[in-house]
Amino acid sequence: MSDRYEYVPHRLLRRRVRDIASGVEGELMAVVNENVSDSDAYEHWMELAYIRNASGREFTTAVANVQPSYDQPRTARSRRDG
């Protein structure tokens, strides 16, 4: 059986990003080309982005769903004045 994953370089690593599928923002921790199949007979490889959100939890999404997040988190004052 071959390796189950390999790391992939990405221009947004360690930067603030947004997952467009969920709208959640966080820091892009890794991009991994991962074998997501559940059998040894058939391999299905997919590039997954690992994002760490504000609570410290990491979640995965497809790399195509990752975009840079240019806006900063809003404070209570900026929401009120907004």
PDB file of N, CA and C in Angstrom:
ATOM      1  N   MET A   1       0.845  -1.181   0.000  1.00  0.00           N
ATOM      2  CA  MET A   1       0.000   0.000   0.000  1.00  0.00           C
ATOM      3  C   MET A   1       0.889   1.242   0.000  1.00  0.00           C
ATOM      4  N   SER A   2       0.487   2.242  -0.738  1.00  0.00           N
ATOM      5  CA  SER A   2       1.277   3.475  -0.834  1.00  0.00           C
ATOM      6  C   SER A   2       0.985   4.386   0.358  1.00  0.00           C
ATOM      7  N   ASP A   3       1.760   5.463   0.452  1.00  0.00           N
ATOM      8  CA  ASP A   3       1.530   6.438   1.522  1.00  0.00           C
ATOM      9  C   ASP A   3       0.118   6.977   1.441  1.00  0.00           C
ATOM     10  N   ARG A   4      -0.415   7.365   2.588  1.00  0.00           N
ATOM     11  CA  ARG A   4      -1.789   7.865   2.655  1.00  0.00           C
ATOM     12  C   ARG A   4      -1.878   9.374   2.456  1.00  0.00           C
ATOM     13  N   TYR A   5      -0.751  10.086   2.565  1.00  0.00           N
ATOM     14  CA  TYR A   5      -0.784  11.533   2.361  1.00  0.00           C
ATOM     15  C   TYR A   5       0.607  12.054   2.044  1.00  0.00           C
ATOM     16  N   GLU A   6       0.636  13.276   1.494  1.00  0.00           N
ATOM     17  CA  GLU A   6       1.889  13.997   1.279  1.00  0.00           C
ATOM     18  C   GLU A   6       1.597  15.490   1.374  1.00  0.00           C
ATOM     19  N   TYR A   7       2.541  16.234   1.945  1.00  0.00           N
ATOM     20  CA  TYR A   7       2.375  17.676   2.100  1.00  0.00           C
ATOM     21  C   TYR A   7       2.592  18.368   0.757  1.00  0.00           C
ATOM     22  N   VAL A   8       1.827  19.435   0.533  1.00  0.00           N
ATOM     23  CA  VAL A   8       1.872  20.195  -0.711  1.00  0.00           C
ATOM     24  C   VAL A   8       2.158  21.658  -0.363  1.00  0.00           C
ATOM     25  N   PRO A   9       3.112  22.299  -1.047  1.00  0.00           N
ATOM     26  CA  PRO A   9       3.339  23.731  -0.783  1.00  0.00           C
ATOM     27  C   PRO A   9       2.134  24.560  -1.245  1.00  0.00           C
ATOM     28  N   HIS A  10       1.896  25.657  -0.553  1.00  0.00           N
ATOM     29  CA  HIS A  10       0.777  26.541  -0.906  1.00  0.00           C
ATOM     30  C   HIS A  10       1.159  27.968  -0.551  1.00  0.00           C
ATOM     31  N   ARG A  11       0.773  28.919  -1.377  1.00  0.00           N
ATOM     32  CA  ARG A  11       1.159  30.321  -1.189  1.00  0.00           C
ATOM     33  C   ARG A  11       0.527  30.969   0.042  1.00  0.00           C
ATOM     34  N   LEU A  12      -0.538  30.396   0.576  1.00  0.00           N
ATOM     35  CA  LEU A  12      -1.226  31.001   1.719  1.00  0.00           C
ATOM     36  C   LEU A  12      -0.917  30.315   3.048  1.00  0.00           C
ATOM     37  N   LEU A  13       0.057  29.427   3.080  1.00  0.00           N
ATOM     38  CA  LEU A  13       0.402  28.766   4.337  1.00  0.00           C
ATOM     39  C   LEU A  13       0.754  29.796   5.408  1.00  0.00           C
ATOM     40  N   ARG A  14       0.235  29.551   6.615  1.00  0.00           N
ATOM     41  CA  ARG A  14       0.459  30.425   7.777  1.00  0.00           C
ATOM     42  C   ARG A  14      -0.151  31.815   7.612  1.00  0.00           C
ATOM     43  N   ARG A  15      -1.100  31.947   6.726  1.00  0.00           N
ATOM     44  CA  ARG A  15      -1.800  33.227   6.521  1.00  0.00           C
ATOM     45  C   ARG A  15      -3.272  33.059   6.890  1.00  0.00           C
ATOM     46  N   ARG A  16      -3.920  34.189   7.118  1.00  0.00           N
ATOM     47  CA  ARG A  16      -5.348  34.182   7.434  1.00  0.00           C
ATOM     48  C   ARG A  16      -6.132  33.922   6.158  1.00  0.00           C
ATOM     49  N   VAL A  17      -7.032  32.926   6.217  1.00  0.00           N
ATOM     50  CA  VAL A  17      -7.825  32.532   5.055  1.00  0.00           C
ATOM     51  C   VAL A  17      -9.285  32.353   5.453  1.00  0.00           C
ATOM     52  N   ARG A  18     -10.123  32.231   4.450  1.00  0.00           N
ATOM     53  CA  ARG A  18     -11.550  31.972   4.648  1.00  0.00           C
ATOM     54  C   ARG A  18     -11.933  30.737   3.844  1.00  0.00           C
ATOM     55  N   ASP A  19     -12.707  29.859   4.477  1.00  0.00           N
ATOM     56  CA  ASP A  19     -13.289  28.712   3.777  1.00  0.00           C
ATOM     57  C   ASP A  19     -14.601  29.186   3.175  1.00  0.00           C
ATOM     58  N   ILE A  20     -14.679  29.271   1.864  1.00  0.00           N
ATOM     59  CA  ILE A  20     -15.881  29.820   1.237  1.00  0.00           C
ATOM     60  C   ILE A  20     -17.089  28.899   1.392  1.00  0.00           C
ATOM     61  N   ALA A  21     -16.864  27.615   1.663  1.00  0.00           N
ATOM     62  CA  ALA A  21     -17.985  26.688   1.845  1.00  0.00           C
ATOM     63  C   ALA A  21     -18.717  26.945   3.162  1.00  0.00           C
ATOM     64  N   SER A  22     -17.977  27.242   4.222  1.00  0.00           N
ATOM     65  CA  SER A  22     -18.592  27.437   5.532  1.00  0.00           C
ATOM     66  C   SER A  22     -18.572  28.889   5.997  1.00  0.00           C
ATOM     67  N   GLY A  23     -17.710  29.717   5.400  1.00  0.00           N
ATOM     68  CA  GLY A  23     -17.574  31.101   5.827  1.00  0.00           C
ATOM     69  C   GLY A  23     -16.653  31.278   7.022  1.00  0.00           C
ATOM     70  N   VAL A  24     -16.065  30.217   7.510  1.00  0.00           N
ATOM     71  CA  VAL A  24     -15.193  30.266   8.689  1.00  0.00           C
ATOM     72  C   VAL A  24     -13.807  30.750   8.281  1.00  0.00           C
ATOM     73  N   GLU A  25     -13.235  31.607   9.127  1.00  0.00           N
ATOM     74  CA  GLU A  25     -11.889  32.114   8.887  1.00  0.00           C
ATOM     75  C   GLU A  25     -10.919  31.504   9.882  1.00  0.00           C
ATOM     76  N   GLY A  26      -9.659  31.459   9.473  1.00  0.00           N
ATOM     77  CA  GLY A  26      -8.620  30.949  10.347  1.00  0.00           C
ATOM     78  C   GLY A  26      -7.281  30.986   9.642  1.00  0.00           C
ATOM     79  N   GLU A  27      -6.302  30.285  10.212  1.00  0.00           N
ATOM     80  CA  GLU A  27      -4.954  30.255   9.661  1.00  0.00           C
ATOM     81  C   GLU A  27      -4.748  28.939   8.919  1.00  0.00           C
ATOM     82  N   LEU A  28      -4.256  29.033   7.685  1.00  0.00           N
ATOM     83  CA  LEU A  28      -3.981  27.836   6.893  1.00  0.00           C
ATOM     84  C   LEU A  28      -2.734  27.163   7.455  1.00  0.00           C
ATOM     85  N   MET A  29      -2.896  25.983   8.022  1.00  0.00           N
ATOM     86  CA  MET A  29      -1.808  25.281   8.679  1.00  0.00           C
ATOM     87  C   MET A  29      -1.070  24.330   7.748  1.00  0.00           C
ATOM     88  N   ALA A  30      -1.796  23.686   6.831  1.00  0.00           N
ATOM     89  CA  ALA A  30      -1.171  22.715   5.928  1.00  0.00           C
ATOM     90  C   ALA A  30      -2.095  22.437   4.760  1.00  0.00           C
ATOM     91  N   VAL A  31      -1.488  22.015   3.664  1.00  0.00           N
ATOM     92  CA  VAL A  31      -2.221  21.474   2.524  1.00  0.00           C
ATOM     93  C   VAL A  31      -1.641  20.085   2.289  1.00  0.00           C
ATOM     94  N   VAL A  32      -2.537  19.115   2.217  1.00  0.00           N
ATOM     95  CA  VAL A  32      -2.120  17.722   2.140  1.00  0.00           C
ATOM     96  C   VAL A  32      -2.831  17.045   0.979  1.00  0.00           C
ATOM     97  N   ASN A  33      -2.076  16.319   0.162  1.00  0.00           N
ATOM     98  CA  ASN A  33      -2.651  15.459  -0.859  1.00  0.00           C
ATOM     99  C   ASN A  33      -2.891  14.120  -0.168  1.00  0.00           C
ATOM    100  N   GLU A  34      -4.153  13.796   0.073  1.00  0.00           N
ATOM    101  CA  GLU A  34      -4.490  12.677   0.945  1.00  0.00           C
ATOM    102  C   GLU A  34      -5.303  11.619   0.219  1.00  0.00           C
ATOM    103  N   ASN A  35      -4.978  10.375   0.491  1.00  0.00           N
ATOM    104  CA  ASN A  35      -5.745   9.255  -0.042  1.00  0.00           C
ATOM    105  C   ASN A  35      -6.967   9.085   0.848  1.00  0.00           C
ATOM    106  N   VAL A  36      -8.135   9.455   0.339  1.00  0.00           N
ATOM    107  CA  VAL A  36      -9.351   9.434   1.144  1.00  0.00           C
ATOM    108  C   VAL A  36     -10.210   8.207   0.891  1.00  0.00           C
ATOM    109  N   SER A  37      -9.696   7.253   0.111  1.00  0.00           N
ATOM    110  CA  SER A  37     -10.472   6.040  -0.157  1.00  0.00           C
ATOM    111  C   SER A  37     -10.495   5.148   1.065  1.00  0.00           C
ATOM    112  N   ASP A  38     -11.510   4.315   1.144  1.00  0.00           N
ATOM    113  CA  ASP A  38     -11.621   3.406   2.286  1.00  0.00           C
ATOM    114  C   ASP A  38     -11.267   1.967   1.918  1.00  0.00           C
ATOM    115  N   SER A  39     -10.698   1.772   0.740  1.00  0.00           N
ATOM    116  CA  SER A  39     -10.282   0.428   0.350  1.00  0.00           C
ATOM    117  C   SER A  39      -8.884   0.467  -0.248  1.00  0.00           C
ATOM    118  N   ASP A  40      -8.206  -0.672  -0.222  1.00  0.00           N
ATOM    119  CA  ASP A  40      -6.874  -0.755  -0.800  1.00  0.00           C
ATOM    120  C   ASP A  40      -6.921  -0.945  -2.313  1.00  0.00           C
ATOM    121  N   ALA A  41      -8.047  -1.402  -2.822  1.00  0.00           N
ATOM    122  CA  ALA A  41      -8.168  -1.693  -4.247  1.00  0.00           C
ATOM    123  C   ALA A  41      -8.298  -0.434  -5.094  1.00  0.00           C
ATOM    124  N   TYR A  42      -8.867   0.608  -4.524  1.00  0.00           N
ATOM    125  CA  TYR A  42      -9.115   1.838  -5.277  1.00  0.00           C
ATOM    126  C   TYR A  42      -8.583   3.026  -4.480  1.00  0.00           C
ATOM    127  N   GLU A  43      -7.753   3.820  -5.084  1.00  0.00           N
ATOM    128  CA  GLU A  43      -7.225   5.009  -4.419  1.00  0.00           C
ATOM    129  C   GLU A  43      -7.915   6.251  -4.951  1.00  0.00           C
ATOM    130  N   HIS A  44      -8.303   7.118  -4.039  1.00  0.00           N
ATOM    131  CA  HIS A  44      -8.897   8.407  -4.414  1.00  0.00           C
ATOM    132  C   HIS A  44      -8.124   9.486  -3.662  1.00  0.00           C
ATOM    133  N   TRP A  45      -7.350  10.276  -4.386  1.00  0.00           N
ATOM    134  CA  TRP A  45      -6.509  11.309  -3.795  1.00  0.00           C
ATOM    135  C   TRP A  45      -7.197  12.661  -3.901  1.00  0.00           C
ATOM    136  N   MET A  46      -7.057  13.445  -2.859  1.00  0.00           N
ATOM    137  CA  MET A  46      -7.710  14.752  -2.809  1.00  0.00           C
ATOM    138  C   MET A  46      -6.812  15.721  -2.058  1.00  0.00           C
ATOM    139  N   GLU A  47      -6.723  16.959  -2.541  1.00  0.00           N
ATOM    140  CA  GLU A  47      -5.962  17.981  -1.821  1.00  0.00           C
ATOM    141  C   GLU A  47      -6.865  18.634  -0.791  1.00  0.00           C
ATOM    142  N   LEU A  48      -6.479  18.505   0.476  1.00  0.00           N
ATOM    143  CA  LEU A  48      -7.249  19.059   1.577  1.00  0.00           C
ATOM    144  C   LEU A  48      -6.456  20.160   2.271  1.00  0.00           C
ATOM    145  N   ALA A  49      -7.152  21.213   2.631  1.00  0.00           N
ATOM    146  CA  ALA A  49      -6.558  22.310   3.388  1.00  0.00           C
ATOM    147  C   ALA A  49      -6.941  22.141   4.849  1.00  0.00           C
ATOM    148  N   TYR A  50      -5.965  22.271   5.725  1.00  0.00           N
ATOM    149  CA  TYR A  50      -6.191  22.219   7.172  1.00  0.00           C
ATOM    150  C   TYR A  50      -6.144  23.649   7.695  1.00  0.00           C
ATOM    151  N   ILE A  51      -7.273  24.107   8.237  1.00  0.00           N
ATOM    152  CA  ILE A  51      -7.405  25.478   8.726  1.00  0.00           C
ATOM    153  C   ILE A  51      -7.665  25.443  10.228  1.00  0.00           C
ATOM    154  N   ARG A  52      -6.935  26.281  10.975  1.00  0.00           N
ATOM    155  CA  ARG A  52      -7.143  26.399  12.421  1.00  0.00           C
ATOM    156  C   ARG A  52      -7.957  27.653  12.682  1.00  0.00           C
ATOM    157  N   ASN A  53      -9.146  27.482  13.272  1.00  0.00           N
ATOM    158  CA  ASN A  53     -10.009  28.634  13.525  1.00  0.00           C
ATOM    159  C   ASN A  53      -9.636  29.314  14.839  1.00  0.00           C
ATOM    160  N   ALA A  54     -10.389  30.326  15.220  1.00  0.00           N
ATOM    161  CA  ALA A  54     -10.060  31.140  16.400  1.00  0.00           C
ATOM    162  C   ALA A  54     -10.067  30.346  17.697  1.00  0.00           C
ATOM    163  N   SER A  55     -10.866  29.299  17.777  1.00  0.00           N
ATOM    164  CA  SER A  55     -10.919  28.493  18.997  1.00  0.00           C
ATOM    165  C   SER A  55      -9.748  27.519  19.107  1.00  0.00           C
ATOM    166  N   GLY A  56      -8.949  27.406  18.033  1.00  0.00           N
ATOM    167  CA  GLY A  56      -7.811  26.501  18.045  1.00  0.00           C
ATOM    168  C   GLY A  56      -8.087  25.157  17.404  1.00  0.00           C
ATOM    169  N   ARG A  57      -9.325  24.923  17.029  1.00  0.00           N
ATOM    170  CA  ARG A  57      -9.690  23.678  16.360  1.00  0.00           C
ATOM    171  C   ARG A  57      -9.340  23.739  14.891  1.00  0.00           C
ATOM    172  N   GLU A  58      -8.843  22.635  14.370  1.00  0.00           N
ATOM    173  CA  GLU A  58      -8.550  22.556  12.947  1.00  0.00           C
ATOM    174  C   GLU A  58      -9.655  21.794  12.236  1.00  0.00           C
ATOM    175  N   PHE A  59      -9.942  22.227  11.028  1.00  0.00           N
ATOM    176  CA  PHE A  59     -10.908  21.530  10.195  1.00  0.00           C
ATOM    177  C   PHE A  59     -10.342  21.460   8.788  1.00  0.00           C
ATOM    178  N   THR A  60     -10.909  20.587   7.981  1.00  0.00           N
ATOM    179  CA  THR A  60     -10.444  20.435   6.606  1.00  0.00           C
ATOM    180  C   THR A  60     -11.497  20.919   5.634  1.00  0.00           C
ATOM    181  N   THR A  61     -11.014  21.330   4.486  1.00  0.00           N
ATOM    182  CA  THR A  61     -11.874  21.707   3.377  1.00  0.00           C
ATOM    183  C   THR A  61     -11.086  21.477   2.096  1.00  0.00           C
ATOM    184  N   ALA A  62     -11.773  21.460   0.988  1.00  0.00           N
ATOM    185  CA  ALA A  62     -11.083  21.335  -0.294  1.00  0.00           C
ATOM    186  C   ALA A  62     -10.237  22.580  -0.534  1.00  0.00           C
ATOM    187  N   VAL A  63      -9.079  22.403  -1.128  1.00  0.00           N
ATOM    188  CA  VAL A  63      -8.178  23.529  -1.387  1.00  0.00           C
ATOM    189  C   VAL A  63      -8.862  24.585  -2.251  1.00  0.00           C
ATOM    190  N   ALA A  64      -9.735  24.172  -3.142  1.00  0.00           N
ATOM    191  CA  ALA A  64     -10.450  25.117  -4.006  1.00  0.00           C
ATOM    192  C   ALA A  64     -11.354  26.055  -3.210  1.00  0.00           C
ATOM    193  N   ASN A  65     -11.700  25.697  -1.973  1.00  0.00           N
ATOM    194  CA  ASN A  65     -12.565  26.529  -1.130  1.00  0.00           C
ATOM    195  C   ASN A  65     -11.810  27.583  -0.334  1.00  0.00           C
ATOM    196  N   VAL A  66     -10.488  27.603  -0.422  1.00  0.00           N
ATOM    197  CA  VAL A  66      -9.673  28.503   0.393  1.00  0.00           C
ATOM    198  C   VAL A  66      -9.377  29.790  -0.362  1.00  0.00           C
ATOM    199  N   GLN A  67      -9.655  30.918   0.282  1.00  0.00           N
ATOM    200  CA  GLN A  67      -9.312  32.218  -0.291  1.00  0.00           C
ATOM    201  C   GLN A  67      -8.699  33.086   0.799  1.00  0.00           C
ATOM    202  N   PRO A  68      -7.842  34.033   0.405  1.00  0.00           N
ATOM    203  CA  PRO A  68      -7.238  34.899   1.425  1.00  0.00           C
ATOM    204  C   PRO A  68      -8.304  35.750   2.113  1.00  0.00           C
ATOM    205  N   SER A  69      -8.100  36.018   3.380  1.00  0.00           N
ATOM    206  CA  SER A  69      -9.001  36.866   4.144  1.00  0.00           C
ATOM    207  C   SER A  69      -8.276  38.173   4.416  1.00  0.00           C
ATOM    208  N   TYR A  70      -8.685  39.212   3.743  1.00  0.00           N
ATOM    209  CA  TYR A  70      -7.997  40.493   3.856  1.00  0.00           C
ATOM    210  C   TYR A  70      -8.539  41.358   4.981  1.00  0.00           C
ATOM    211  N   ASP A  71      -9.777  41.134   5.367  1.00  0.00           N
ATOM    212  CA  ASP A  71     -10.352  41.954   6.425  1.00  0.00           C
ATOM    213  C   ASP A  71      -9.963  41.403   7.791  1.00  0.00           C
ATOM    214  N   GLN A  72      -9.827  42.287   8.736  1.00  0.00           N
ATOM    215  CA  GLN A  72      -9.465  41.911  10.093  1.00  0.00           C
ATOM    216  C   GLN A  72     -10.738  41.634  10.881  1.00  0.00           C
ATOM    217  N   PRO A  73     -10.627  40.849  11.950  1.00  0.00           N
ATOM    218  CA  PRO A  73     -11.799  40.618  12.789  1.00  0.00           C
ATOM    219  C   PRO A  73     -12.353  41.939  13.306  1.00  0.00           C
ATOM    220  N   ARG A  74     -13.658  42.047  13.341  1.00  0.00           N
ATOM    221  CA  ARG A  74     -14.286  43.298  13.745  1.00  0.00           C
ATOM    222  C   ARG A  74     -14.419  43.366  15.257  1.00  0.00           C
ATOM    223  N   THR A  75     -14.186  44.542  15.789  1.00  0.00           N
ATOM    224  CA  THR A  75     -14.359  44.775  17.220  1.00  0.00           C
ATOM    225  C   THR A  75     -15.798  45.217  17.466  1.00  0.00           C
ATOM    226  N   ALA A  76     -16.193  45.242  18.709  1.00  0.00           N
ATOM    227  CA  ALA A  76     -17.555  45.673  19.046  1.00  0.00           C
ATOM    228  C   ALA A  76     -17.786  47.096  18.577  1.00  0.00           C
ATOM    229  N   ARG A  77     -16.783  47.956  18.717  1.00  0.00           N
ATOM    230  CA  ARG A  77     -16.931  49.352  18.293  1.00  0.00           C
ATOM    231  C   ARG A  77     -17.116  49.455  16.788  1.00  0.00           C
ATOM    232  N   SER A  78     -16.338  48.714  16.003  1.00  0.00           N
ATOM    233  CA  SER A  78     -16.465  48.831  14.542  1.00  0.00           C
ATOM    234  C   SER A  78     -17.803  48.260  14.078  1.00  0.00           C
ATOM    235  N   ARG A  79     -18.338  47.242  14.776  1.00  0.00           N
ATOM    236  CA  ARG A  79     -19.662  46.725  14.400  1.00  0.00           C
ATOM    237  C   ARG A  79     -20.750  47.764  14.708  1.00  0.00           C
ATOM    238  N   ARG A  80     -20.598  48.457  15.837  1.00  0.00           N
ATOM    239  CA  ARG A  80     -21.580  49.442  16.255  1.00  0.00           C
ATOM    240  C   ARG A  80     -21.559  50.661  15.335  1.00  0.00           C
ATOM    241  N   ASP A  81     -20.343  51.091  14.936  1.00  0.00           N
ATOM    242  CA  ASP A  81     -20.217  52.286  14.106  1.00  0.00           C
ATOM    243  C   ASP A  81     -20.432  52.002  12.638  1.00  0.00           C
ATOM    244  N   GLY A  82     -20.367  50.733  12.254  1.00  0.00           N
ATOM    245  CA  GLY A  82     -20.333  50.282  10.908  1.00  0.00           C
ATOM    246  C   GLY A  82     -21.339  50.644   9.943  1.00  0.00           C
TER     247      GLY A  82
END
